[in-house]
Amino acid sequence: METLQLVLKIAILVLSLLLVVLVLLHRGKGGGLSSLFGGGVQSSLSGSSVVEKNLDRVTIFVGLIWTVCIIGVTLSIKLSS
């Protein structure tokens, strides 16, 4: 049980850092770091670019995994005590 907690805690640490980077890559009002990676190319169907949409999807996916890891640590701590 302790090994599972350690693995989940390391995953939370790595995912937290990844989430910070992903959020900083998003475009704000004046443009963001995502414009460096092709965010300036606009899609003809909507106002946001394909890169921005994919960045949104990746950020949401990483956030969901982060949430599952936190719930897993909480449950493993609760079950071990």
PDB file of N, CA and C in Angstrom:
ATOM      1  N   MET A   1       0.826  -1.195   0.000  1.00  0.00           N
ATOM      2  CA  MET A   1       0.000   0.000   0.000  1.00  0.00           C
ATOM      3  C   MET A   1       0.870   1.258   0.000  1.00  0.00           C
ATOM      4  N   GLU A   2       2.007   1.197   0.701  1.00  0.00           N
ATOM      5  CA  GLU A   2       2.890   2.359   0.757  1.00  0.00           C
ATOM      6  C   GLU A   2       3.536   2.634  -0.603  1.00  0.00           C
ATOM      7  N   THR A   3       3.802   1.565  -1.370  1.00  0.00           N
ATOM      8  CA  THR A   3       4.390   1.762  -2.698  1.00  0.00           C
ATOM      9  C   THR A   3       3.395   2.450  -3.624  1.00  0.00           C
ATOM     10  N   LEU A   4       2.124   2.067  -3.514  1.00  0.00           N
ATOM     11  CA  LEU A   4       1.088   2.707  -4.314  1.00  0.00           C
ATOM     12  C   LEU A   4       0.980   4.193  -3.979  1.00  0.00           C
ATOM     13  N   GLN A   5       1.034   4.510  -2.698  1.00  0.00           N
ATOM     14  CA  GLN A   5       0.980   5.910  -2.285  1.00  0.00           C
ATOM     15  C   GLN A   5       2.169   6.689  -2.834  1.00  0.00           C
ATOM     16  N   LEU A   6       3.357   6.076  -2.795  1.00  0.00           N
ATOM     17  CA  LEU A   6       4.553   6.747  -3.306  1.00  0.00           C
ATOM     18  C   LEU A   6       4.441   7.001  -4.804  1.00  0.00           C
ATOM     19  N   VAL A   7       3.975   6.002  -5.542  1.00  0.00           N
ATOM     20  CA  VAL A   7       3.821   6.154  -6.993  1.00  0.00           C
ATOM     21  C   VAL A   7       2.801   7.247  -7.310  1.00  0.00           C
ATOM     22  N   LEU A   8       1.691   7.252  -6.589  1.00  0.00           N
ATOM     23  CA  LEU A   8       0.665   8.265  -6.826  1.00  0.00           C
ATOM     24  C   LEU A   8       1.152   9.662  -6.459  1.00  0.00           C
ATOM     25  N   LYS A   9       1.916   9.774  -5.392  1.00  0.00           N
ATOM     26  CA  LYS A   9       2.451  11.081  -4.992  1.00  0.00           C
ATOM     27  C   LYS A   9       3.445  11.612  -6.017  1.00  0.00           C
ATOM     28  N   ILE A  10       4.275  10.722  -6.570  1.00  0.00           N
ATOM     29  CA  ILE A  10       5.214  11.142  -7.612  1.00  0.00           C
ATOM     30  C   ILE A  10       4.448  11.556  -8.861  1.00  0.00           C
ATOM     31  N   ALA A  11       3.390  10.800  -9.194  1.00  0.00           N
ATOM     32  CA  ALA A  11       2.562  11.145 -10.356  1.00  0.00           C
ATOM     33  C   ALA A  11       1.899  12.504 -10.158  1.00  0.00           C
ATOM     34  N   ILE A  12       1.433  12.772  -8.948  1.00  0.00           N
ATOM     35  CA  ILE A  12       0.809  14.069  -8.658  1.00  0.00           C
ATOM     36  C   ILE A  12       1.818  15.198  -8.829  1.00  0.00           C
ATOM     37  N   LEU A  13       3.033  14.989  -8.368  1.00  0.00           N
ATOM     38  CA  LEU A  13       4.074  16.007  -8.499  1.00  0.00           C
ATOM     39  C   LEU A  13       4.374  16.298  -9.972  1.00  0.00           C
ATOM     40  N   VAL A  14       4.567  15.239 -10.759  1.00  0.00           N
ATOM     41  CA  VAL A  14       4.883  15.410 -12.178  1.00  0.00           C
ATOM     42  C   VAL A  14       3.704  16.052 -12.918  1.00  0.00           C
ATOM     43  N   LEU A  15       2.488  15.580 -12.629  1.00  0.00           N
ATOM     44  CA  LEU A  15       1.304  16.121 -13.292  1.00  0.00           C
ATOM     45  C   LEU A  15       1.049  17.577 -12.896  1.00  0.00           C
ATOM     46  N   SER A  16       1.371  17.934 -11.658  1.00  0.00           N
ATOM     47  CA  SER A  16       1.202  19.322 -11.219  1.00  0.00           C
ATOM     48  C   SER A  16       2.117  20.251 -12.003  1.00  0.00           C
ATOM     49  N   LEU A  17       3.364  19.842 -12.163  1.00  0.00           N
ATOM     50  CA  LEU A  17       4.301  20.655 -12.944  1.00  0.00           C
ATOM     51  C   LEU A  17       3.867  20.741 -14.403  1.00  0.00           C
ATOM     52  N   LEU A  18       3.374  19.617 -14.947  1.00  0.00           N
ATOM     53  CA  LEU A  18       2.900  19.613 -16.321  1.00  0.00           C
ATOM     54  C   LEU A  18       1.680  20.521 -16.493  1.00  0.00           C
ATOM     55  N   LEU A  19       0.791  20.522 -15.509  1.00  0.00           N
ATOM     56  CA  LEU A  19      -0.383  21.399 -15.572  1.00  0.00           C
ATOM     57  C   LEU A  19       0.012  22.870 -15.551  1.00  0.00           C
ATOM     58  N   VAL A  20       1.005  23.206 -14.752  1.00  0.00           N
ATOM     59  CA  VAL A  20       1.475  24.596 -14.708  1.00  0.00           C
ATOM     60  C   VAL A  20       1.994  25.018 -16.077  1.00  0.00           C
ATOM     61  N   VAL A  21       2.788  24.154 -16.699  1.00  0.00           N
ATOM     62  CA  VAL A  21       3.330  24.465 -18.023  1.00  0.00           C
ATOM     63  C   VAL A  21       2.206  24.580 -19.051  1.00  0.00           C
ATOM     64  N   LEU A  22       1.252  23.649 -19.002  1.00  0.00           N
ATOM     65  CA  LEU A  22       0.153  23.678 -19.972  1.00  0.00           C
ATOM     66  C   LEU A  22      -0.714  24.929 -19.820  1.00  0.00           C
ATOM     67  N   VAL A  23      -0.967  25.336 -18.594  1.00  0.00           N
ATOM     68  CA  VAL A  23      -1.774  26.536 -18.378  1.00  0.00           C
ATOM     69  C   VAL A  23      -1.019  27.776 -18.859  1.00  0.00           C
ATOM     70  N   LEU A  24       0.280  27.808 -18.639  1.00  0.00           N
ATOM     71  CA  LEU A  24       1.067  28.949 -19.105  1.00  0.00           C
ATOM     72  C   LEU A  24       1.143  29.006 -20.632  1.00  0.00           C
ATOM     73  N   LEU A  25       0.989  27.874 -21.296  1.00  0.00           N
ATOM     74  CA  LEU A  25       1.018  27.858 -22.756  1.00  0.00           C
ATOM     75  C   LEU A  25      -0.251  28.420 -23.381  1.00  0.00           C
ATOM     76  N   HIS A  26      -1.339  28.469 -22.619  1.00  0.00           N
ATOM     77  CA  HIS A  26      -2.599  28.974 -23.168  1.00  0.00           C
ATOM     78  C   HIS A  26      -2.488  30.453 -23.501  1.00  0.00           C
ATOM     79  N   ARG A  27      -3.240  30.830 -24.502  1.00  0.00           N
ATOM     80  CA  ARG A  27      -3.227  32.208 -24.952  1.00  0.00           C
ATOM     81  C   ARG A  27      -4.140  33.045 -24.071  1.00  0.00           C
ATOM     82  N   GLY A  28      -3.632  34.145 -23.621  1.00  0.00           N
ATOM     83  CA  GLY A  28      -4.434  35.075 -22.843  1.00  0.00           C
ATOM     84  C   GLY A  28      -5.021  36.135 -23.758  1.00  0.00           C
ATOM     85  N   LYS A  29      -5.248  37.301 -23.210  1.00  0.00           N
ATOM     86  CA  LYS A  29      -5.801  38.402 -24.020  1.00  0.00           C
ATOM     87  C   LYS A  29      -4.823  38.853 -25.096  1.00  0.00           C
ATOM     88  N   GLY A  30      -3.551  38.920 -24.749  1.00  0.00           N
ATOM     89  CA  GLY A  30      -2.575  39.436 -25.688  1.00  0.00           C
ATOM     90  C   GLY A  30      -1.780  38.369 -26.404  1.00  0.00           C
ATOM     91  N   GLY A  31      -2.219  37.119 -26.380  1.00  0.00           N
ATOM     92  CA  GLY A  31      -1.454  36.038 -26.992  1.00  0.00           C
ATOM     93  C   GLY A  31      -0.568  35.394 -25.950  1.00  0.00           C
ATOM     94  N   GLY A  32      -0.236  34.162 -26.154  1.00  0.00           N
ATOM     95  CA  GLY A  32       0.559  33.455 -25.163  1.00  0.00           C
ATOM     96  C   GLY A  32       1.709  32.718 -25.811  1.00  0.00           C
ATOM     97  N   LEU A  33       2.282  31.824 -25.052  1.00  0.00           N
ATOM     98  CA  LEU A  33       3.396  31.048 -25.566  1.00  0.00           C
ATOM     99  C   LEU A  33       2.954  30.087 -26.656  1.00  0.00           C
ATOM    100  N   SER A  34       1.660  29.771 -26.701  1.00  0.00           N
ATOM    101  CA  SER A  34       1.167  28.855 -27.727  1.00  0.00           C
ATOM    102  C   SER A  34       1.337  29.432 -29.128  1.00  0.00           C
ATOM    103  N   SER A  35       1.409  30.742 -29.241  1.00  0.00           N
ATOM    104  CA  SER A  35       1.596  31.348 -30.561  1.00  0.00           C
ATOM    105  C   SER A  35       2.988  31.045 -31.123  1.00  0.00           C
ATOM    106  N   LEU A  36       3.925  30.701 -30.252  1.00  0.00           N
ATOM    107  CA  LEU A  36       5.253  30.317 -30.723  1.00  0.00           C
ATOM    108  C   LEU A  36       5.234  28.992 -31.454  1.00  0.00           C
ATOM    109  N   PHE A  37       4.257  28.141 -31.142  1.00  0.00           N
ATOM    110  CA  PHE A  37       4.195  26.808 -31.715  1.00  0.00           C
ATOM    111  C   PHE A  37       3.106  26.698 -32.772  1.00  0.00           C
ATOM    112  N   GLY A  38       2.816  27.746 -33.473  1.00  0.00           N
ATOM    113  CA  GLY A  38       1.846  27.706 -34.553  1.00  0.00           C
ATOM    114  C   GLY A  38       0.468  28.164 -34.156  1.00  0.00           C
ATOM    115  N   GLY A  39       0.330  28.801 -33.019  1.00  0.00           N
ATOM    116  CA  GLY A  39      -0.973  29.266 -32.573  1.00  0.00           C
ATOM    117  C   GLY A  39      -1.497  30.443 -33.363  1.00  0.00           C
ATOM    118  N   GLY A  40      -0.666  31.054 -34.194  1.00  0.00           N
ATOM    119  CA  GLY A  40      -1.106  32.185 -34.971  1.00  0.00           C
ATOM    120  C   GLY A  40      -1.969  31.806 -36.172  1.00  0.00           C
ATOM    121  N   VAL A  41      -1.946  30.530 -36.564  1.00  0.00           N
ATOM    122  CA  VAL A  41      -2.745  30.067 -37.699  1.00  0.00           C
ATOM    123  C   VAL A  41      -4.164  29.829 -37.216  1.00  0.00           C
ATOM    124  N   GLN A  42      -5.116  30.558 -37.767  1.00  0.00           N
ATOM    125  CA  GLN A  42      -6.505  30.468 -37.333  1.00  0.00           C
ATOM    126  C   GLN A  42      -7.275  29.473 -38.185  1.00  0.00           C
ATOM    127  N   SER A  43      -8.206  28.759 -37.560  1.00  0.00           N
ATOM    128  CA  SER A  43      -9.093  27.863 -38.281  1.00  0.00           C
ATOM    129  C   SER A  43     -10.212  28.679 -38.919  1.00  0.00           C
ATOM    130  N   SER A  44     -10.664  28.253 -40.082  1.00  0.00           N
ATOM    131  CA  SER A  44     -11.720  29.003 -40.761  1.00  0.00           C
ATOM    132  C   SER A  44     -13.089  28.738 -40.150  1.00  0.00           C
ATOM    133  N   LEU A  45     -13.219  27.684 -39.325  1.00  0.00           N
ATOM    134  CA  LEU A  45     -14.516  27.336 -38.768  1.00  0.00           C
ATOM    135  C   LEU A  45     -14.840  28.096 -37.493  1.00  0.00           C
ATOM    136  N   SER A  46     -13.832  28.425 -36.719  1.00  0.00           N
ATOM    137  CA  SER A  46     -14.101  29.108 -35.453  1.00  0.00           C
ATOM    138  C   SER A  46     -12.984  30.080 -35.143  1.00  0.00           C
ATOM    139  N   GLY A  47     -13.127  30.747 -33.994  1.00  0.00           N
ATOM    140  CA  GLY A  47     -12.169  31.769 -33.633  1.00  0.00           C
ATOM    141  C   GLY A  47     -10.875  31.244 -33.061  1.00  0.00           C
ATOM    142  N   SER A  48     -10.858  30.014 -32.535  1.00  0.00           N
ATOM    143  CA  SER A  48      -9.613  29.546 -31.956  1.00  0.00           C
ATOM    144  C   SER A  48      -8.900  28.589 -32.886  1.00  0.00           C
ATOM    145  N   SER A  49      -7.616  28.517 -32.728  1.00  0.00           N
ATOM    146  CA  SER A  49      -6.796  27.721 -33.620  1.00  0.00           C
ATOM    147  C   SER A  49      -6.854  26.249 -33.235  1.00  0.00           C
ATOM    148  N   VAL A  50      -6.384  25.426 -34.138  1.00  0.00           N
ATOM    149  CA  VAL A  50      -6.332  23.984 -33.894  1.00  0.00           C
ATOM    150  C   VAL A  50      -5.362  23.680 -32.755  1.00  0.00           C
ATOM    151  N   VAL A  51      -4.274  24.410 -32.721  1.00  0.00           N
ATOM    152  CA  VAL A  51      -3.288  24.201 -31.656  1.00  0.00           C
ATOM    153  C   VAL A  51      -3.901  24.509 -30.296  1.00  0.00           C
ATOM    154  N   GLU A  52      -4.667  25.583 -30.230  1.00  0.00           N
ATOM    155  CA  GLU A  52      -5.295  25.974 -28.957  1.00  0.00           C
ATOM    156  C   GLU A  52      -6.333  24.938 -28.518  1.00  0.00           C
ATOM    157  N   LYS A  53      -7.081  24.408 -29.466  1.00  0.00           N
ATOM    158  CA  LYS A  53      -8.075  23.375 -29.135  1.00  0.00           C
ATOM    159  C   LYS A  53      -7.400  22.112 -28.628  1.00  0.00           C
ATOM    160  N   ASN A  54      -6.315  21.710 -29.287  1.00  0.00           N
ATOM    161  CA  ASN A  54      -5.590  20.523 -28.833  1.00  0.00           C
ATOM    162  C   ASN A  54      -4.949  20.761 -27.476  1.00  0.00           C
ATOM    163  N   LEU A  55      -4.457  21.962 -27.253  1.00  0.00           N
ATOM    164  CA  LEU A  55      -3.879  22.303 -25.956  1.00  0.00           C
ATOM    165  C   LEU A  55      -4.943  22.249 -24.866  1.00  0.00           C
ATOM    166  N   ASP A  56      -6.152  22.704 -25.185  1.00  0.00           N
ATOM    167  CA  ASP A  56      -7.268  22.602 -24.240  1.00  0.00           C
ATOM    168  C   ASP A  56      -7.553  21.149 -23.889  1.00  0.00           C
ATOM    169  N   ARG A  57      -7.601  20.299 -24.904  1.00  0.00           N
ATOM    170  CA  ARG A  57      -7.891  18.881 -24.681  1.00  0.00           C
ATOM    171  C   ARG A  57      -6.825  18.217 -23.813  1.00  0.00           C
ATOM    172  N   VAL A  58      -5.564  18.496 -24.111  1.00  0.00           N
ATOM    173  CA  VAL A  58      -4.471  17.902 -23.329  1.00  0.00           C
ATOM    174  C   VAL A  58      -4.518  18.395 -21.891  1.00  0.00           C
ATOM    175  N   THR A  59      -4.787  19.680 -21.700  1.00  0.00           N
ATOM    176  CA  THR A  59      -4.860  20.243 -20.349  1.00  0.00           C
ATOM    177  C   THR A  59      -5.986  19.612 -19.554  1.00  0.00           C
ATOM    178  N   ILE A  60      -7.141  19.429 -20.174  1.00  0.00           N
ATOM    179  CA  ILE A  60      -8.275  18.802 -19.480  1.00  0.00           C
ATOM    180  C   ILE A  60      -7.949  17.351 -19.146  1.00  0.00           C
ATOM    181  N   PHE A  61      -7.333  16.630 -20.084  1.00  0.00           N
ATOM    182  CA  PHE A  61      -6.976  15.231 -19.853  1.00  0.00           C
ATOM    183  C   PHE A  61      -5.990  15.096 -18.694  1.00  0.00           C
ATOM    184  N   VAL A  62      -4.956  15.935 -18.680  1.00  0.00           N
ATOM    185  CA  VAL A  62      -3.961  15.888 -17.599  1.00  0.00           C
ATOM    186  C   VAL A  62      -4.608  16.281 -16.268  1.00  0.00           C
ATOM    187  N   GLY A  63      -5.519  17.246 -16.301  1.00  0.00           N
ATOM    188  CA  GLY A  63      -6.227  17.638 -15.083  1.00  0.00           C
ATOM    189  C   GLY A  63      -7.090  16.523 -14.530  1.00  0.00           C
ATOM    190  N   LEU A  64      -7.735  15.766 -15.413  1.00  0.00           N
ATOM    191  CA  LEU A  64      -8.546  14.624 -14.956  1.00  0.00           C
ATOM    192  C   LEU A  64      -7.676  13.523 -14.349  1.00  0.00           C
ATOM    193  N   ILE A  65      -6.542  13.240 -14.977  1.00  0.00           N
ATOM    194  CA  ILE A  65      -5.628  12.235 -14.416  1.00  0.00           C
ATOM    195  C   ILE A  65      -5.105  12.703 -13.061  1.00  0.00           C
ATOM    196  N   TRP A  66      -4.796  13.989 -12.948  1.00  0.00           N
ATOM    197  CA  TRP A  66      -4.322  14.570 -11.685  1.00  0.00           C
ATOM    198  C   TRP A  66      -5.380  14.396 -10.593  1.00  0.00           C
ATOM    199  N   THR A  67      -6.648  14.650 -10.947  1.00  0.00           N
ATOM    200  CA  THR A  67      -7.745  14.501  -9.988  1.00  0.00           C
ATOM    201  C   THR A  67      -7.894  13.047  -9.546  1.00  0.00           C
ATOM    202  N   VAL A  68      -7.803  12.118 -10.491  1.00  0.00           N
ATOM    203  CA  VAL A  68      -7.907  10.687 -10.159  1.00  0.00           C
ATOM    204  C   VAL A  68      -6.764  10.266  -9.235  1.00  0.00           C
ATOM    205  N   CYS A  69      -5.577  10.772  -9.483  1.00  0.00           N
ATOM    206  CA  CYS A  69      -4.432  10.442  -8.617  1.00  0.00           C
ATOM    207  C   CYS A  69      -4.645  10.975  -7.198  1.00  0.00           C
ATOM    208  N   ILE A  70      -5.187  12.173  -7.073  1.00  0.00           N
ATOM    209  CA  ILE A  70      -5.441  12.735  -5.744  1.00  0.00           C
ATOM    210  C   ILE A  70      -6.489  11.911  -5.009  1.00  0.00           C
ATOM    211  N   ILE A  71      -7.536  11.511  -5.724  1.00  0.00           N
ATOM    212  CA  ILE A  71      -8.562  10.662  -5.099  1.00  0.00           C
ATOM    213  C   ILE A  71      -7.954   9.322  -4.705  1.00  0.00           C
ATOM    214  N   GLY A  72      -7.077   8.777  -5.543  1.00  0.00           N
ATOM    215  CA  GLY A  72      -6.411   7.516  -5.224  1.00  0.00           C
ATOM    216  C   GLY A  72      -5.546   7.614  -3.986  1.00  0.00           C
ATOM    217  N   VAL A  73      -4.796   8.691  -3.843  1.00  0.00           N
ATOM    218  CA  VAL A  73      -3.971   8.875  -2.634  1.00  0.00           C
ATOM    219  C   VAL A  73      -4.858   8.997  -1.403  1.00  0.00           C
ATOM    220  N   THR A  74      -5.930   9.756  -1.523  1.00  0.00           N
ATOM    221  CA  THR A  74      -6.851   9.936  -0.392  1.00  0.00           C
ATOM    222  C   THR A  74      -7.449   8.612   0.042  1.00  0.00           C
ATOM    223  N   LEU A  75      -7.902   7.823  -0.925  1.00  0.00           N
ATOM    224  CA  LEU A  75      -8.489   6.524  -0.589  1.00  0.00           C
ATOM    225  C   LEU A  75      -7.456   5.558  -0.009  1.00  0.00           C
ATOM    226  N   SER A  76      -6.244   5.574  -0.543  1.00  0.00           N
ATOM    227  CA  SER A  76      -5.223   4.668  -0.015  1.00  0.00           C
ATOM    228  C   SER A  76      -4.796   5.047   1.394  1.00  0.00           C
ATOM    229  N   ILE A  77      -4.771   6.339   1.698  1.00  0.00           N
ATOM    230  CA  ILE A  77      -4.460   6.780   3.066  1.00  0.00           C
ATOM    231  C   ILE A  77      -5.595   6.396   4.011  1.00  0.00           C
ATOM    232  N   LYS A  78      -6.811   6.579   3.542  1.00  0.00           N
ATOM    233  CA  LYS A  78      -7.962   6.241   4.374  1.00  0.00           C
ATOM    234  C   LYS A  78      -8.041   4.746   4.651  1.00  0.00           C
ATOM    235  N   LEU A  79      -7.744   3.922   3.647  1.00  0.00           N
ATOM    236  CA  LEU A  79      -7.826   2.469   3.811  1.00  0.00           C
ATOM    237  C   LEU A  79      -6.676   1.910   4.649  1.00  0.00           C
ATOM    238  N   SER A  80      -5.528   2.567   4.615  1.00  0.00           N
ATOM    239  CA  SER A  80      -4.371   2.045   5.356  1.00  0.00           C
ATOM    240  C   SER A  80      -4.417   2.403   6.844  1.00  0.00           C
ATOM    241  N   SER A  81      -5.234   3.379   7.215  1.00  0.00           N
ATOM    242  CA  SER A  81      -5.264   3.767   8.635  1.00  0.00           C
ATOM    243  C   SER A  81      -6.407   3.119   9.374  1.00  0.00           C
TER     244      SER A  81
END
